[in-house]
Amino acid sequence: PDEVAEVMARLLNGATESVRMSTTLYPEFYNRREVRDAMIQAAHNSESFMLLLDPQADENILRQNVEYVFGLANEGDVMLSRAVTPIPHWLIVDEKNIRIEQPHPFHKPTGENMVIEGASRYASEALVTQFDKMWAIAVPLGNPR
């Protein structure tokens, strides 16, 4: 998990244009200082931050345990929605830096990841398009009214 947190923080800290993230927001991971700080920095520094919550995640528990994410959504720095179907867990930063999690049991930290840094936009287009399709049918959460 230390290596995964370092990779996530590095990718998020470099965000300037966009962040597309699909996740369960596993509290033990997302409350690690380096991940939390990078999430907040990316929310403030990128032009858009779309966070797609896995449908298995318990929103009420997450509101208590990773409240900073919901605070960023309420402030308008993060667009937060819940997926309506099972989703892969991805991080796409500026459409060129990508992290793809190997599927793993819910409530367990991730294991293997594929990380691509500096991918051409052409190479990332399929992931961005698929993420945007999942986002389009998702239910908004905690966004400003």
C-alpha atoms as a PDB file:
ATOM      1  CA  PRO A   1       0.000   0.000   0.000  1.00  0.00           C
ATOM      2  CA  ASP A   2       2.889   2.467   0.573  1.00  0.00           C
ATOM      3  CA  GLU A   3       3.968   2.186  -3.055  1.00  0.00           C
ATOM      4  CA  VAL A   4       0.375   2.561  -4.266  1.00  0.00           C
ATOM      5  CA  ALA A   5      -0.082   5.674  -2.108  1.00  0.00           C
ATOM      6  CA  GLU A   6       3.141   7.162  -3.479  1.00  0.00           C
ATOM      7  CA  VAL A   7       2.028   6.551  -7.075  1.00  0.00           C
ATOM      8  CA  MET A   8      -1.439   8.007  -6.440  1.00  0.00           C
ATOM      9  CA  ALA A   9       0.037  11.074  -4.772  1.00  0.00           C
ATOM     10  CA  ARG A  10       2.543  11.610  -7.588  1.00  0.00           C
ATOM     11  CA  LEU A  11      -0.137  11.361 -10.287  1.00  0.00           C
ATOM     12  CA  LEU A  12      -2.612  13.598  -8.429  1.00  0.00           C
ATOM     13  CA  ASN A  13       0.004  16.193  -7.501  1.00  0.00           C
ATOM     14  CA  GLY A  14       0.726  16.708 -11.188  1.00  0.00           C
ATOM     15  CA  ALA A  15      -2.891  17.423 -12.137  1.00  0.00           C
ATOM     16  CA  THR A  16      -3.538  20.706 -13.932  1.00  0.00           C
ATOM     17  CA  GLU A  17      -6.326  19.955 -16.414  1.00  0.00           C
ATOM     18  CA  SER A  18      -8.539  17.077 -15.343  1.00  0.00           C
ATOM     19  CA  VAL A  19      -8.909  14.196 -12.931  1.00  0.00           C
ATOM     20  CA  ARG A  20     -11.224  11.276 -13.578  1.00  0.00           C
ATOM     21  CA  MET A  21     -11.292   8.806 -10.692  1.00  0.00           C
ATOM     22  CA  SER A  22     -13.457   5.739 -10.113  1.00  0.00           C
ATOM     23  CA  THR A  23     -13.080   4.220  -6.664  1.00  0.00           C
ATOM     24  CA  THR A  24     -14.635   2.889  -3.453  1.00  0.00           C
ATOM     25  CA  LEU A  25     -12.865   5.652  -1.464  1.00  0.00           C
ATOM     26  CA  TYR A  26     -11.472   3.014   0.895  1.00  0.00           C
ATOM     27  CA  PRO A  27     -11.024   5.198   4.037  1.00  0.00           C
ATOM     28  CA  GLU A  28      -7.837   3.574   5.323  1.00  0.00           C
ATOM     29  CA  PHE A  29      -6.172   4.408   1.999  1.00  0.00           C
ATOM     30  CA  TYR A  30      -7.730   7.782   1.159  1.00  0.00           C
ATOM     31  CA  ASN A  31      -7.020   9.128   4.657  1.00  0.00           C
ATOM     32  CA  ARG A  32      -3.294   8.484   4.328  1.00  0.00           C
ATOM     33  CA  ARG A  33      -1.672  11.900   4.570  1.00  0.00           C
ATOM     34  CA  GLU A  34       0.032  11.784   1.163  1.00  0.00           C
ATOM     35  CA  VAL A  35      -3.134  10.636  -0.616  1.00  0.00           C
ATOM     36  CA  ARG A  36      -5.427  13.081   1.202  1.00  0.00           C
ATOM     37  CA  ASP A  37      -3.086  16.008   0.583  1.00  0.00           C
ATOM     38  CA  ALA A  38      -2.721  15.073  -3.098  1.00  0.00           C
ATOM     39  CA  MET A  39      -6.506  14.740  -3.511  1.00  0.00           C
ATOM     40  CA  ILE A  40      -7.004  18.216  -2.046  1.00  0.00           C
ATOM     41  CA  GLN A  41      -4.211  19.722  -4.148  1.00  0.00           C
ATOM     42  CA  ALA A  42      -5.568  18.115  -7.341  1.00  0.00           C
ATOM     43  CA  ALA A  43      -9.082  19.358  -6.558  1.00  0.00           C
ATOM     44  CA  HIS A  44      -7.759  22.909  -6.246  1.00  0.00           C
ATOM     45  CA  ASN A  45      -5.251  22.824  -9.122  1.00  0.00           C
ATOM     46  CA  SER A  46      -7.124  20.979 -11.867  1.00  0.00           C
ATOM     47  CA  GLU A  47      -9.807  22.513 -14.057  1.00  0.00           C
ATOM     48  CA  SER A  48     -12.136  19.567 -13.360  1.00  0.00           C
ATOM     49  CA  PHE A  49     -12.155  16.664 -10.906  1.00  0.00           C
ATOM     50  CA  MET A  50     -14.746  13.932 -11.488  1.00  0.00           C
ATOM     51  CA  LEU A  51     -14.972  11.279  -8.769  1.00  0.00           C
ATOM     52  CA  LEU A  52     -17.144   8.268  -9.592  1.00  0.00           C
ATOM     53  CA  LEU A  53     -18.009   6.280  -6.484  1.00  0.00           C
ATOM     54  CA  ASP A  54     -18.333   2.507  -6.727  1.00  0.00           C
ATOM     55  CA  PRO A  55     -21.964   1.422  -6.189  1.00  0.00           C
ATOM     56  CA  GLN A  56     -20.869  -0.980  -3.406  1.00  0.00           C
ATOM     57  CA  ALA A  57     -19.492   1.841  -1.268  1.00  0.00           C
ATOM     58  CA  ASP A  58     -21.618   2.999   1.678  1.00  0.00           C
ATOM     59  CA  GLU A  59     -22.120   6.732   1.216  1.00  0.00           C
ATOM     60  CA  ASN A  60     -23.093   7.333   4.858  1.00  0.00           C
ATOM     61  CA  ILE A  61     -19.937   5.663   6.175  1.00  0.00           C
ATOM     62  CA  LEU A  62     -17.802   7.548   3.662  1.00  0.00           C
ATOM     63  CA  ARG A  63     -19.372  10.891   4.606  1.00  0.00           C
ATOM     64  CA  GLN A  64     -18.086  10.235   8.136  1.00  0.00           C
ATOM     65  CA  ASN A  65     -14.734   8.662   7.290  1.00  0.00           C
ATOM     66  CA  VAL A  66     -13.517  10.619   4.246  1.00  0.00           C
ATOM     67  CA  GLU A  67     -15.475  13.782   4.925  1.00  0.00           C
ATOM     68  CA  TYR A  68     -12.875  15.957   3.208  1.00  0.00           C
ATOM     69  CA  VAL A  69     -13.933  14.519  -0.173  1.00  0.00           C
ATOM     70  CA  PHE A  70     -17.561  15.476   0.428  1.00  0.00           C
ATOM     71  CA  GLY A  71     -16.384  18.885   1.612  1.00  0.00           C
ATOM     72  CA  LEU A  72     -14.526  19.369  -1.672  1.00  0.00           C
ATOM     73  CA  ALA A  73     -17.701  18.376  -3.519  1.00  0.00           C
ATOM     74  CA  ASN A  74     -19.807  20.823  -1.501  1.00  0.00           C
ATOM     75  CA  GLU A  75     -17.275  23.571  -2.250  1.00  0.00           C
ATOM     76  CA  GLY A  76     -17.530  22.799  -5.976  1.00  0.00           C
ATOM     77  CA  ASP A  77     -13.925  21.591  -6.314  1.00  0.00           C
ATOM     78  CA  VAL A  78     -14.928  17.959  -6.994  1.00  0.00           C
ATOM     79  CA  MET A  79     -17.888  16.623  -8.960  1.00  0.00           C
ATOM     80  CA  LEU A  80     -19.025  13.502  -7.103  1.00  0.00           C
ATOM     81  CA  SER A  81     -21.389  10.854  -8.473  1.00  0.00           C
ATOM     82  CA  ARG A  82     -22.319   7.244  -7.688  1.00  0.00           C
ATOM     83  CA  ALA A  83     -22.076   4.646 -10.435  1.00  0.00           C
ATOM     84  CA  VAL A  84     -25.211   2.616 -11.118  1.00  0.00           C
ATOM     85  CA  THR A  85     -23.377  -0.496 -12.335  1.00  0.00           C
ATOM     86  CA  PRO A  86     -20.126  -2.170 -11.260  1.00  0.00           C
ATOM     87  CA  ILE A  87     -17.119  -0.140 -12.351  1.00  0.00           C
ATOM     88  CA  PRO A  88     -13.392  -0.623 -12.785  1.00  0.00           C
ATOM     89  CA  HIS A  89     -11.227   1.481 -10.488  1.00  0.00           C
ATOM     90  CA  TRP A  90      -9.182   3.956 -12.501  1.00  0.00           C
ATOM     91  CA  LEU A  91      -7.346   7.223 -12.122  1.00  0.00           C
ATOM     92  CA  ILE A  92      -6.875   9.307 -15.262  1.00  0.00           C
ATOM     93  CA  VAL A  93      -4.966  12.565 -14.755  1.00  0.00           C
ATOM     94  CA  ASP A  94      -4.767  15.150 -17.532  1.00  0.00           C
ATOM     95  CA  GLU A  95      -5.695  12.366 -19.986  1.00  0.00           C
ATOM     96  CA  LYS A  96      -2.083  11.129 -19.972  1.00  0.00           C
ATOM     97  CA  ASN A  97      -1.241   9.723 -16.527  1.00  0.00           C
ATOM     98  CA  ILE A  98      -3.218   6.586 -15.753  1.00  0.00           C
ATOM     99  CA  ARG A  99      -3.570   4.108 -12.923  1.00  0.00           C
ATOM    100  CA  ILE A 100      -5.668   0.980 -13.423  1.00  0.00           C
ATOM    101  CA  GLU A 101      -6.349  -1.219 -10.396  1.00  0.00           C
ATOM    102  CA  GLN A 102      -6.513  -4.945 -10.677  1.00  0.00           C
ATOM    103  CA  PRO A 103     -10.012  -5.982  -9.516  1.00  0.00           C
ATOM    104  CA  HIS A 104     -10.031  -6.935  -5.841  1.00  0.00           C
ATOM    105  CA  PRO A 105     -12.580  -7.819  -3.160  1.00  0.00           C
ATOM    106  CA  PHE A 106     -14.586  -4.938  -1.760  1.00  0.00           C
ATOM    107  CA  HIS A 107     -13.222  -3.648   1.606  1.00  0.00           C
ATOM    108  CA  LYS A 108      -9.731  -4.907   0.741  1.00  0.00           C
ATOM    109  CA  PRO A 109      -6.901  -2.638  -0.332  1.00  0.00           C
ATOM    110  CA  THR A 110      -5.812  -2.882  -3.919  1.00  0.00           C
ATOM    111  CA  GLY A 111      -3.072  -5.229  -4.980  1.00  0.00           C
ATOM    112  CA  GLU A 112      -1.554  -4.950  -8.428  1.00  0.00           C
ATOM    113  CA  ASN A 113      -1.807  -1.780 -10.496  1.00  0.00           C
ATOM    114  CA  MET A 114      -0.884  -0.764 -13.986  1.00  0.00           C
ATOM    115  CA  VAL A 115       0.518   2.755 -14.158  1.00  0.00           C
ATOM    116  CA  ILE A 116       1.163   4.612 -17.393  1.00  0.00           C
ATOM    117  CA  GLU A 117       2.757   8.034 -17.198  1.00  0.00           C
ATOM    118  CA  GLY A 118       2.940  10.304 -20.213  1.00  0.00           C
ATOM    119  CA  ALA A 119       0.592   8.293 -22.431  1.00  0.00           C
ATOM    120  CA  SER A 120      -0.459   9.993 -25.638  1.00  0.00           C
ATOM    121  CA  ARG A 121      -4.015  11.321 -25.609  1.00  0.00           C
ATOM    122  CA  TYR A 122      -4.762   8.914 -28.436  1.00  0.00           C
ATOM    123  CA  ALA A 123      -3.725   6.001 -26.211  1.00  0.00           C
ATOM    124  CA  SER A 124      -5.866   7.203 -23.292  1.00  0.00           C
ATOM    125  CA  GLU A 125      -8.915   8.071 -25.405  1.00  0.00           C
ATOM    126  CA  ALA A 126     -10.607   4.673 -24.919  1.00  0.00           C
ATOM    127  CA  LEU A 127     -10.390   4.945 -21.108  1.00  0.00           C
ATOM    128  CA  VAL A 128     -11.574   8.549 -21.085  1.00  0.00           C
ATOM    129  CA  THR A 129     -14.513   7.670 -23.355  1.00  0.00           C
ATOM    130  CA  GLN A 130     -15.498   4.685 -21.190  1.00  0.00           C
ATOM    131  CA  PHE A 131     -15.214   6.728 -17.988  1.00  0.00           C
ATOM    132  CA  ASP A 132     -17.371   9.478 -19.485  1.00  0.00           C
ATOM    133  CA  LYS A 133     -20.026   6.885 -20.421  1.00  0.00           C
ATOM    134  CA  MET A 134     -20.097   5.565 -16.830  1.00  0.00           C
ATOM    135  CA  TRP A 135     -20.253   9.159 -15.569  1.00  0.00           C
ATOM    136  CA  ALA A 136     -23.139  10.073 -17.868  1.00  0.00           C
ATOM    137  CA  ILE A 137     -25.466   7.523 -16.233  1.00  0.00           C
ATOM    138  CA  ALA A 138     -24.232   8.028 -12.654  1.00  0.00           C
ATOM    139  CA  VAL A 139     -26.237   9.677  -9.862  1.00  0.00           C
ATOM    140  CA  PRO A 140     -24.785  12.982  -8.578  1.00  0.00           C
ATOM    141  CA  LEU A 141     -23.861  13.130  -4.862  1.00  0.00           C
ATOM    142  CA  GLY A 142     -22.887  16.022  -2.645  1.00  0.00           C
ATOM    143  CA  ASN A 143     -22.578  18.484  -5.496  1.00  0.00           C
ATOM    144  CA  PRO A 144     -23.535  22.116  -5.069  1.00  0.00           C
ATOM    145  CA  ARG A 145     -27.168  22.828  -5.763  1.00  0.00           C
END
